[in-house]
Amino acid sequence: MAVNIQLITHPSHGVIEILMSRVGPVGRKLIEQIEFSAVGLVQGRLTDMIYAADIAEKAADVRVFDLKGTCPQHLTMIGIFGDIAAVKAALEAIKADESL
């Protein structure tokens, strides 16, 4: 199964609120403490998302959060927060990994 990857640069206020509502209160406090100009969204199976989060954080100066919600296909989504270049680098590293 392939992962679904999207990049949002300069997310709007509404998008930020959607993301904040999906990370829970602890995640919200952590995100409010960092500066970011981009968010990478990656969706797939739980094991793949944990692996992708590890790839992202090792590839670039980003923070990764679980974006909770309901999905009938049992897919999980992570949000990769950072500056545009760092998020792009993290997403490229995830795309380059042949096991995902």
PDB file of N, CA and C in Angstrom:
ATOM      1  N   MET A   1       0.853  -1.184   0.000  1.00  0.00           N
ATOM      2  CA  MET A   1       0.000   0.000   0.000  1.00  0.00           C
ATOM      3  C   MET A   1       0.892   1.238   0.000  1.00  0.00           C
ATOM      4  N   ALA A   2       0.605   2.153  -0.866  1.00  0.00           N
ATOM      5  CA  ALA A   2       1.365   3.400  -0.940  1.00  0.00           C
ATOM      6  C   ALA A   2       0.808   4.410   0.056  1.00  0.00           C
ATOM      7  N   VAL A   3       1.664   5.317   0.467  1.00  0.00           N
ATOM      8  CA  VAL A   3       1.220   6.382   1.354  1.00  0.00           C
ATOM      9  C   VAL A   3       0.751   7.562   0.515  1.00  0.00           C
ATOM     10  N   ASN A   4      -0.132   8.346   1.075  1.00  0.00           N
ATOM     11  CA  ASN A   4      -0.633   9.562   0.436  1.00  0.00           C
ATOM     12  C   ASN A   4       0.083  10.742   1.081  1.00  0.00           C
ATOM     13  N   ILE A   5       0.693  11.603   0.256  1.00  0.00           N
ATOM     14  CA  ILE A   5       1.506  12.709   0.769  1.00  0.00           C
ATOM     15  C   ILE A   5       1.028  14.022   0.159  1.00  0.00           C
ATOM     16  N   GLN A   6       0.864  15.030   1.016  1.00  0.00           N
ATOM     17  CA  GLN A   6       0.493  16.375   0.578  1.00  0.00           C
ATOM     18  C   GLN A   6       1.347  17.397   1.320  1.00  0.00           C
ATOM     19  N   LEU A   7       1.645  18.510   0.656  1.00  0.00           N
ATOM     20  CA  LEU A   7       2.388  19.604   1.255  1.00  0.00           C
ATOM     21  C   LEU A   7       1.516  20.846   1.267  1.00  0.00           C
ATOM     22  N   ILE A   8       1.408  21.485   2.417  1.00  0.00           N
ATOM     23  CA  ILE A   8       0.687  22.756   2.542  1.00  0.00           C
ATOM     24  C   ILE A   8       1.705  23.806   2.966  1.00  0.00           C
ATOM     25  N   THR A   9       1.926  24.806   2.098  1.00  0.00           N
ATOM     26  CA  THR A   9       2.812  25.903   2.469  1.00  0.00           C
ATOM     27  C   THR A   9       1.956  27.069   2.938  1.00  0.00           C
ATOM     28  N   HIS A  10       2.438  27.759   3.928  1.00  0.00           N
ATOM     29  CA  HIS A  10       1.719  28.890   4.516  1.00  0.00           C
ATOM     30  C   HIS A  10       0.250  28.530   4.788  1.00  0.00           C
ATOM     31  N   PRO A  11       0.021  27.519   5.654  1.00  0.00           N
ATOM     32  CA  PRO A  11      -1.360  27.083   5.913  1.00  0.00           C
ATOM     33  C   PRO A  11      -2.225  28.234   6.440  1.00  0.00           C
ATOM     34  N   SER A  12      -3.461  28.241   5.978  1.00  0.00           N
ATOM     35  CA  SER A  12      -4.405  29.278   6.402  1.00  0.00           C
ATOM     36  C   SER A  12      -4.809  29.059   7.855  1.00  0.00           C
ATOM     37  N   HIS A  13      -5.410  30.095   8.431  1.00  0.00           N
ATOM     38  CA  HIS A  13      -5.863  30.013   9.823  1.00  0.00           C
ATOM     39  C   HIS A  13      -6.832  28.840  10.005  1.00  0.00           C
ATOM     40  N   GLY A  14      -7.747  28.662   9.075  1.00  0.00           N
ATOM     41  CA  GLY A  14      -8.715  27.570   9.183  1.00  0.00           C
ATOM     42  C   GLY A  14      -8.059  26.201   9.148  1.00  0.00           C
ATOM     43  N   VAL A  15      -7.062  26.033   8.288  1.00  0.00           N
ATOM     44  CA  VAL A  15      -6.342  24.758   8.211  1.00  0.00           C
ATOM     45  C   VAL A  15      -5.594  24.503   9.514  1.00  0.00           C
ATOM     46  N   ILE A  16      -4.972  25.541  10.046  1.00  0.00           N
ATOM     47  CA  ILE A  16      -4.261  25.388  11.315  1.00  0.00           C
ATOM     48  C   ILE A  16      -5.228  24.960  12.419  1.00  0.00           C
ATOM     49  N   GLU A  17      -6.407  25.546  12.453  1.00  0.00           N
ATOM     50  CA  GLU A  17      -7.403  25.161  13.469  1.00  0.00           C
ATOM     51  C   GLU A  17      -7.844  23.707  13.293  1.00  0.00           C
ATOM     52  N   ILE A  18      -8.026  23.261  12.060  1.00  0.00           N
ATOM     53  CA  ILE A  18      -8.379  21.856  11.811  1.00  0.00           C
ATOM     54  C   ILE A  18      -7.282  20.950  12.348  1.00  0.00           C
ATOM     55  N   LEU A  19      -6.041  21.272  12.022  1.00  0.00           N
ATOM     56  CA  LEU A  19      -4.917  20.456  12.485  1.00  0.00           C
ATOM     57  C   LEU A  19      -4.811  20.464  14.002  1.00  0.00           C
ATOM     58  N   MET A  20      -4.972  21.633  14.611  1.00  0.00           N
ATOM     59  CA  MET A  20      -4.892  21.741  16.072  1.00  0.00           C
ATOM     60  C   MET A  20      -5.964  20.890  16.748  1.00  0.00           C
ATOM     61  N   SER A  21      -7.140  20.834  16.155  1.00  0.00           N
ATOM     62  CA  SER A  21      -8.220  20.044  16.757  1.00  0.00           C
ATOM     63  C   SER A  21      -7.939  18.549  16.666  1.00  0.00           C
ATOM     64  N   ARG A  22      -7.058  18.151  15.750  1.00  0.00           N
ATOM     65  CA  ARG A  22      -6.776  16.736  15.543  1.00  0.00           C
ATOM     66  C   ARG A  22      -5.553  16.229  16.308  1.00  0.00           C
ATOM     67  N   VAL A  23      -4.790  17.119  16.941  1.00  0.00           N
ATOM     68  CA  VAL A  23      -3.604  16.672  17.678  1.00  0.00           C
ATOM     69  C   VAL A  23      -3.853  16.533  19.169  1.00  0.00           C
ATOM     70  N   GLY A  24      -4.989  16.997  19.639  1.00  0.00           N
ATOM     71  CA  GLY A  24      -5.295  16.920  21.063  1.00  0.00           C
ATOM     72  C   GLY A  24      -4.637  18.044  21.833  1.00  0.00           C
ATOM     73  N   PRO A  25      -4.980  18.170  23.117  1.00  0.00           N
ATOM     74  CA  PRO A  25      -4.503  19.307  23.911  1.00  0.00           C
ATOM     75  C   PRO A  25      -2.986  19.342  24.094  1.00  0.00           C
ATOM     76  N   VAL A  26      -2.352  18.201  24.283  1.00  0.00           N
ATOM     77  CA  VAL A  26      -0.899  18.184  24.477  1.00  0.00           C
ATOM     78  C   VAL A  26      -0.202  18.576  23.180  1.00  0.00           C
ATOM     79  N   GLY A  27      -0.623  17.991  22.064  1.00  0.00           N
ATOM     80  CA  GLY A  27      -0.050  18.334  20.768  1.00  0.00           C
ATOM     81  C   GLY A  27      -0.262  19.788  20.423  1.00  0.00           C
ATOM     82  N   ARG A  28      -1.437  20.302  20.756  1.00  0.00           N
ATOM     83  CA  ARG A  28      -1.743  21.709  20.479  1.00  0.00           C
ATOM     84  C   ARG A  28      -0.758  22.626  21.197  1.00  0.00           C
ATOM     85  N   LYS A  29      -0.495  22.334  22.479  1.00  0.00           N
ATOM     86  CA  LYS A  29       0.452  23.160  23.251  1.00  0.00           C
ATOM     87  C   LYS A  29       1.846  23.105  22.638  1.00  0.00           C
ATOM     88  N   LEU A  30       2.254  21.932  22.188  1.00  0.00           N
ATOM     89  CA  LEU A  30       3.577  21.787  21.587  1.00  0.00           C
ATOM     90  C   LEU A  30       3.665  22.533  20.258  1.00  0.00           C
ATOM     91  N   ILE A  31       2.637  22.420  19.434  1.00  0.00           N
ATOM     92  CA  ILE A  31       2.639  23.098  18.138  1.00  0.00           C
ATOM     93  C   ILE A  31       2.623  24.610  18.325  1.00  0.00           C
ATOM     94  N   GLU A  32       1.894  25.090  19.322  1.00  0.00           N
ATOM     95  CA  GLU A  32       1.842  26.532  19.571  1.00  0.00           C
ATOM     96  C   GLU A  32       3.208  27.097  19.959  1.00  0.00           C
ATOM     97  N   GLN A  33       4.127  26.240  20.379  1.00  0.00           N
ATOM     98  CA  GLN A  33       5.454  26.694  20.806  1.00  0.00           C
ATOM     99  C   GLN A  33       6.487  26.695  19.673  1.00  0.00           C
ATOM    100  N   ILE A  34       6.126  26.161  18.521  1.00  0.00           N
ATOM    101  CA  ILE A  34       7.088  26.108  17.425  1.00  0.00           C
ATOM    102  C   ILE A  34       6.646  27.043  16.304  1.00  0.00           C
ATOM    103  N   GLU A  35       7.620  27.465  15.517  1.00  0.00           N
ATOM    104  CA  GLU A  35       7.314  28.261  14.340  1.00  0.00           C
ATOM    105  C   GLU A  35       7.328  27.332  13.135  1.00  0.00           C
ATOM    106  N   PHE A  36       6.324  27.462  12.283  1.00  0.00           N
ATOM    107  CA  PHE A  36       6.287  26.642  11.076  1.00  0.00           C
ATOM    108  C   PHE A  36       5.627  27.431   9.953  1.00  0.00           C
ATOM    109  N   SER A  37       6.093  27.171   8.739  1.00  0.00           N
ATOM    110  CA  SER A  37       5.506  27.807   7.563  1.00  0.00           C
ATOM    111  C   SER A  37       4.963  26.774   6.589  1.00  0.00           C
ATOM    112  N   ALA A  38       5.091  25.500   6.966  1.00  0.00           N
ATOM    113  CA  ALA A  38       4.583  24.430   6.113  1.00  0.00           C
ATOM    114  C   ALA A  38       4.170  23.240   6.968  1.00  0.00           C
ATOM    115  N   VAL A  39       3.248  22.479   6.410  1.00  0.00           N
ATOM    116  CA  VAL A  39       2.810  21.234   7.037  1.00  0.00           C
ATOM    117  C   VAL A  39       2.771  20.167   5.954  1.00  0.00           C
ATOM    118  N   GLY A  40       3.425  19.064   6.236  1.00  0.00           N
ATOM    119  CA  GLY A  40       3.331  17.907   5.357  1.00  0.00           C
ATOM    120  C   GLY A  40       2.332  16.939   5.952  1.00  0.00           C
ATOM    121  N   LEU A  41       1.440  16.440   5.130  1.00  0.00           N
ATOM    122  CA  LEU A  41       0.455  15.460   5.578  1.00  0.00           C
ATOM    123  C   LEU A  41       0.781  14.131   4.920  1.00  0.00           C
ATOM    124  N   VAL A  42       0.877  13.088   5.735  1.00  0.00           N
ATOM    125  CA  VAL A  42       1.189  11.759   5.217  1.00  0.00           C
ATOM    126  C   VAL A  42       0.171  10.792   5.818  1.00  0.00           C
ATOM    127  N   GLN A  43      -0.480  10.015   4.952  1.00  0.00           N
ATOM    128  CA  GLN A  43      -1.517   9.089   5.411  1.00  0.00           C
ATOM    129  C   GLN A  43      -1.187   7.687   4.936  1.00  0.00           C
ATOM    130  N   GLY A  44      -1.376   6.727   5.825  1.00  0.00           N
ATOM    131  CA  GLY A  44      -1.146   5.323   5.488  1.00  0.00           C
ATOM    132  C   GLY A  44      -1.410   4.447   6.696  1.00  0.00           C
ATOM    133  N   ARG A  45      -0.917   3.226   6.626  1.00  0.00           N
ATOM    134  CA  ARG A  45      -1.076   2.291   7.738  1.00  0.00           C
ATOM    135  C   ARG A  45      -0.255   2.757   8.942  1.00  0.00           C
ATOM    136  N   LEU A  46      -0.703   2.408  10.136  1.00  0.00           N
ATOM    137  CA  LEU A  46      -0.051   2.855  11.365  1.00  0.00           C
ATOM    138  C   LEU A  46       1.438   2.543  11.382  1.00  0.00           C
ATOM    139  N   THR A  47       1.815   1.328  11.046  1.00  0.00           N
ATOM    140  CA  THR A  47       3.238   0.972  11.077  1.00  0.00           C
ATOM    141  C   THR A  47       4.037   1.836  10.095  1.00  0.00           C
ATOM    142  N   ASP A  48       3.463   2.088   8.925  1.00  0.00           N
ATOM    143  CA  ASP A  48       4.139   2.933   7.935  1.00  0.00           C
ATOM    144  C   ASP A  48       4.252   4.377   8.421  1.00  0.00           C
ATOM    145  N   MET A  49       3.248   4.864   9.147  1.00  0.00           N
ATOM    146  CA  MET A  49       3.289   6.244   9.622  1.00  0.00           C
ATOM    147  C   MET A  49       4.320   6.425  10.726  1.00  0.00           C
ATOM    148  N   ILE A  50       4.473   5.443  11.594  1.00  0.00           N
ATOM    149  CA  ILE A  50       5.510   5.522  12.619  1.00  0.00           C
ATOM    150  C   ILE A  50       6.879   5.514  11.941  1.00  0.00           C
ATOM    151  N   TYR A  51       7.045   4.655  10.954  1.00  0.00           N
ATOM    152  CA  TYR A  51       8.297   4.585  10.200  1.00  0.00           C
ATOM    153  C   TYR A  51       8.545   5.896   9.448  1.00  0.00           C
ATOM    154  N   ALA A  52       7.516   6.449   8.805  1.00  0.00           N
ATOM    155  CA  ALA A  52       7.647   7.715   8.077  1.00  0.00           C
ATOM    156  C   ALA A  52       7.997   8.858   9.015  1.00  0.00           C
ATOM    157  N   ALA A  53       7.421   8.864  10.211  1.00  0.00           N
ATOM    158  CA  ALA A  53       7.741   9.909  11.197  1.00  0.00           C
ATOM    159  C   ALA A  53       9.216   9.854  11.559  1.00  0.00           C
ATOM    160  N   ASP A  54       9.748   8.662  11.720  1.00  0.00           N
ATOM    161  CA  ASP A  54      11.163   8.504  12.044  1.00  0.00           C
ATOM    162  C   ASP A  54      12.035   9.009  10.891  1.00  0.00           C
ATOM    163  N   ILE A  55      11.674   8.659   9.675  1.00  0.00           N
ATOM    164  CA  ILE A  55      12.414   9.136   8.495  1.00  0.00           C
ATOM    165  C   ILE A  55      12.401  10.654   8.455  1.00  0.00           C
ATOM    166  N   ALA A  56      11.226  11.252   8.641  1.00  0.00           N
ATOM    167  CA  ALA A  56      11.075  12.705   8.547  1.00  0.00           C
ATOM    168  C   ALA A  56      11.944  13.422   9.573  1.00  0.00           C
ATOM    169  N   GLU A  57      11.899  12.978  10.819  1.00  0.00           N
ATOM    170  CA  GLU A  57      12.647  13.662  11.876  1.00  0.00           C
ATOM    171  C   GLU A  57      14.153  13.467  11.738  1.00  0.00           C
ATOM    172  N   LYS A  58      14.580  12.361  11.128  1.00  0.00           N
ATOM    173  CA  LYS A  58      16.009  12.146  10.900  1.00  0.00           C
ATOM    174  C   LYS A  58      16.501  12.911   9.676  1.00  0.00           C
ATOM    175  N   ALA A  59      15.606  13.206   8.731  1.00  0.00           N
ATOM    176  CA  ALA A  59      16.007  13.861   7.484  1.00  0.00           C
ATOM    177  C   ALA A  59      16.060  15.376   7.582  1.00  0.00           C
ATOM    178  N   ALA A  60      15.279  15.956   8.489  1.00  0.00           N
ATOM    179  CA  ALA A  60      15.180  17.420   8.517  1.00  0.00           C
ATOM    180  C   ALA A  60      14.772  17.898   9.904  1.00  0.00           C
ATOM    181  N   ASP A  61      14.902  19.194  10.115  1.00  0.00           N
ATOM    182  CA  ASP A  61      14.529  19.821  11.389  1.00  0.00           C
ATOM    183  C   ASP A  61      13.020  20.072  11.391  1.00  0.00           C
ATOM    184  N   VAL A  62      12.265  19.008  11.665  1.00  0.00           N
ATOM    185  CA  VAL A  62      10.800  19.076  11.679  1.00  0.00           C
ATOM    186  C   VAL A  62      10.282  18.425  12.949  1.00  0.00           C
ATOM    187  N   ARG A  63       9.028  18.697  13.255  1.00  0.00           N
ATOM    188  CA  ARG A  63       8.317  18.026  14.354  1.00  0.00           C
ATOM    189  C   ARG A  63       7.154  17.270  13.749  1.00  0.00           C
ATOM    190  N   VAL A  64       6.940  16.060  14.214  1.00  0.00           N
ATOM    191  CA  VAL A  64       5.884  15.208  13.672  1.00  0.00           C
ATOM    192  C   VAL A  64       4.849  14.939  14.755  1.00  0.00           C
ATOM    193  N   PHE A  65       3.575  15.047  14.356  1.00  0.00           N
ATOM    194  CA  PHE A  65       2.469  14.808  15.284  1.00  0.00           C
ATOM    195  C   PHE A  65       1.457  13.866  14.649  1.00  0.00           C
ATOM    196  N   ASP A  66       0.853  13.036  15.475  1.00  0.00           N
ATOM    197  CA  ASP A  66      -0.236  12.165  15.054  1.00  0.00           C
ATOM    198  C   ASP A  66      -1.486  13.017  14.897  1.00  0.00           C
ATOM    199  N   LEU A  67      -2.128  12.939  13.745  1.00  0.00           N
ATOM    200  CA  LEU A  67      -3.377  13.669  13.512  1.00  0.00           C
ATOM    201  C   LEU A  67      -4.520  12.676  13.669  1.00  0.00           C
ATOM    202  N   LYS A  68      -5.146  12.718  14.806  1.00  0.00           N
ATOM    203  CA  LYS A  68      -6.175  11.731  15.146  1.00  0.00           C
ATOM    204  C   LYS A  68      -7.486  12.019  14.424  1.00  0.00           C
ATOM    205  N   GLY A  69      -8.207  10.973  14.163  1.00  0.00           N
ATOM    206  CA  GLY A  69      -9.505  11.084  13.524  1.00  0.00           C
ATOM    207  C   GLY A  69     -10.017   9.698  13.185  1.00  0.00           C
ATOM    208  N   THR A  70     -11.147   9.645  12.551  1.00  0.00           N
ATOM    209  CA  THR A  70     -11.722   8.359  12.182  1.00  0.00           C
ATOM    210  C   THR A  70     -11.550   8.127  10.692  1.00  0.00           C
ATOM    211  N   CYS A  71     -11.198   6.926  10.361  1.00  0.00           N
ATOM    212  CA  CYS A  71     -11.026   6.546   8.968  1.00  0.00           C
ATOM    213  C   CYS A  71     -11.538   5.122   8.811  1.00  0.00           C
ATOM    214  N   PRO A  72     -12.541   4.916   7.984  1.00  0.00           N
ATOM    215  CA  PRO A  72     -13.100   3.571   7.833  1.00  0.00           C
ATOM    216  C   PRO A  72     -12.096   2.561   7.269  1.00  0.00           C
ATOM    217  N   GLN A  73     -11.062   3.046   6.611  1.00  0.00           N
ATOM    218  CA  GLN A  73     -10.045   2.147   6.054  1.00  0.00           C
ATOM    219  C   GLN A  73      -8.917   1.868   7.047  1.00  0.00           C
ATOM    220  N   HIS A  74      -9.039   2.368   8.274  1.00  0.00           N
ATOM    221  CA  HIS A  74      -8.041   2.173   9.327  1.00  0.00           C
ATOM    222  C   HIS A  74      -6.690   2.761   8.944  1.00  0.00           C
ATOM    223  N   LEU A  75      -6.722   3.910   8.309  1.00  0.00           N
ATOM    224  CA  LEU A  75      -5.494   4.608   7.962  1.00  0.00           C
ATOM    225  C   LEU A  75      -5.200   5.657   9.028  1.00  0.00           C
ATOM    226  N   THR A  76      -3.952   5.993   9.160  1.00  0.00           N
ATOM    227  CA  THR A  76      -3.493   6.979  10.125  1.00  0.00           C
ATOM    228  C   THR A  76      -2.872   8.133   9.362  1.00  0.00           C
ATOM    229  N   MET A  77      -2.922   9.338   9.939  1.00  0.00           N
ATOM    230  CA  MET A  77      -2.282  10.479   9.310  1.00  0.00           C
ATOM    231  C   MET A  77      -1.343  11.150  10.297  1.00  0.00           C
ATOM    232  N   ILE A  78      -0.184  11.562   9.774  1.00  0.00           N
ATOM    233  CA  ILE A  78       0.744  12.349  10.576  1.00  0.00           C
ATOM    234  C   ILE A  78       0.891  13.721   9.930  1.00  0.00           C
ATOM    235  N   GLY A  79       1.199  14.701  10.766  1.00  0.00           N
ATOM    236  CA  GLY A  79       1.488  16.048  10.298  1.00  0.00           C
ATOM    237  C   GLY A  79       2.948  16.355  10.579  1.00  0.00           C
ATOM    238  N   ILE A  80       3.639  16.842   9.568  1.00  0.00           N
ATOM    239  CA  ILE A  80       5.056  17.179   9.679  1.00  0.00           C
ATOM    240  C   ILE A  80       5.154  18.695   9.624  1.00  0.00           C
ATOM    241  N   PHE A  81       5.573  19.314  10.716  1.00  0.00           N
ATOM    242  CA  PHE A  81       5.581  20.766  10.860  1.00  0.00           C
ATOM    243  C   PHE A  81       7.005  21.294  10.828  1.00  0.00           C
ATOM    244  N   GLY A  82       7.217  22.393  10.105  1.00  0.00           N
ATOM    245  CA  GLY A  82       8.525  23.028  10.055  1.00  0.00           C
ATOM    246  C   GLY A  82       8.541  24.119   9.006  1.00  0.00           C
ATOM    247  N   ASP A  83       9.738  24.606   8.689  1.00  0.00           N
ATOM    248  CA  ASP A  83       9.796  25.589   7.609  1.00  0.00           C
ATOM    249  C   ASP A  83       9.656  24.846   6.275  1.00  0.00           C
ATOM    250  N   ILE A  84       9.402  25.599   5.224  1.00  0.00           N
ATOM    251  CA  ILE A  84       9.078  24.981   3.933  1.00  0.00           C
ATOM    252  C   ILE A  84      10.178  24.039   3.461  1.00  0.00           C
ATOM    253  N   ALA A  85      11.418  24.483   3.511  1.00  0.00           N
ATOM    254  CA  ALA A  85      12.523  23.654   3.024  1.00  0.00           C
ATOM    255  C   ALA A  85      12.654  22.363   3.836  1.00  0.00           C
ATOM    256  N   ALA A  86      12.510  22.464   5.150  1.00  0.00           N
ATOM    257  CA  ALA A  86      12.645  21.281   6.003  1.00  0.00           C
ATOM    258  C   ALA A  86      11.516  20.287   5.762  1.00  0.00           C
ATOM    259  N   VAL A  87      10.288  20.784   5.640  1.00  0.00           N
ATOM    260  CA  VAL A  87       9.159  19.882   5.395  1.00  0.00           C
ATOM    261  C   VAL A  87       9.303  19.225   4.021  1.00  0.00           C
ATOM    262  N   LYS A  88       9.721  20.003   3.025  1.00  0.00           N
ATOM    263  CA  LYS A  88       9.946  19.416   1.692  1.00  0.00           C
ATOM    264  C   LYS A  88      11.008  18.326   1.760  1.00  0.00           C
ATOM    265  N   ALA A  89      12.097  18.577   2.485  1.00  0.00           N
ATOM    266  CA  ALA A  89      13.163  17.580   2.619  1.00  0.00           C
ATOM    267  C   ALA A  89      12.655  16.322   3.313  1.00  0.00           C
ATOM    268  N   ALA A  90      11.860  16.496   4.347  1.00  0.00           N
ATOM    269  CA  ALA A  90      11.304  15.349   5.068  1.00  0.00           C
ATOM    270  C   ALA A  90      10.385  14.532   4.162  1.00  0.00           C
ATOM    271  N   LEU A  91       9.525  15.216   3.402  1.00  0.00           N
ATOM    272  CA  LEU A  91       8.612  14.502   2.498  1.00  0.00           C
ATOM    273  C   LEU A  91       9.373  13.800   1.387  1.00  0.00           C
ATOM    274  N   GLU A  92      10.422  14.431   0.870  1.00  0.00           N
ATOM    275  CA  GLU A  92      11.232  13.804  -0.177  1.00  0.00           C
ATOM    276  C   GLU A  92      11.916  12.542   0.373  1.00  0.00           C
ATOM    277  N   ALA A  93      12.383  12.596   1.619  1.00  0.00           N
ATOM    278  CA  ALA A  93      13.003  11.423   2.223  1.00  0.00           C
ATOM    279  C   ALA A  93      12.000  10.279   2.367  1.00  0.00           C
ATOM    280  N   ILE A  94      10.770  10.620   2.732  1.00  0.00           N
ATOM    281  CA  ILE A  94       9.723   9.599   2.849  1.00  0.00           C
ATOM    282  C   ILE A  94       9.424   9.018   1.477  1.00  0.00           C
ATOM    283  N   LYS A  95       9.271   9.876   0.470  1.00  0.00           N
ATOM    284  CA  LYS A  95       8.991   9.398  -0.897  1.00  0.00           C
ATOM    285  C   LYS A  95      10.110   8.505  -1.426  1.00  0.00           C
ATOM    286  N   ALA A  96      11.349   8.819  -1.054  1.00  0.00           N
ATOM    287  CA  ALA A  96      12.500   8.067  -1.566  1.00  0.00           C
ATOM    288  C   ALA A  96      12.638   6.683  -0.953  1.00  0.00           C
ATOM    289  N   ASP A  97      12.020   6.449   0.191  1.00  0.00           N
ATOM    290  CA  ASP A  97      12.135   5.154   0.851  1.00  0.00           C
ATOM    291  C   ASP A  97      11.283   4.133   0.094  1.00  0.00           C
ATOM    292  N   GLU A  98      11.923   3.125  -0.447  1.00  0.00           N
ATOM    293  CA  GLU A  98      11.233   2.155  -1.300  1.00  0.00           C
ATOM    294  C   GLU A  98      10.312   1.221  -0.533  1.00  0.00           C
ATOM    295  N   SER A  99      10.432   1.162   0.793  1.00  0.00           N
ATOM    296  CA  SER A  99       9.572   0.242   1.547  1.00  0.00           C
ATOM    297  C   SER A  99       8.186   0.837   1.834  1.00  0.00           C
ATOM    298  N   LEU A 100       8.008   2.138   1.538  1.00  0.00           N
ATOM    299  CA  LEU A 100       6.688   2.751   1.795  1.00  0.00           C
ATOM    300  C   LEU A 100       5.854   2.778   0.531  1.00  0.00           C
TER     301      LEU A 100
END
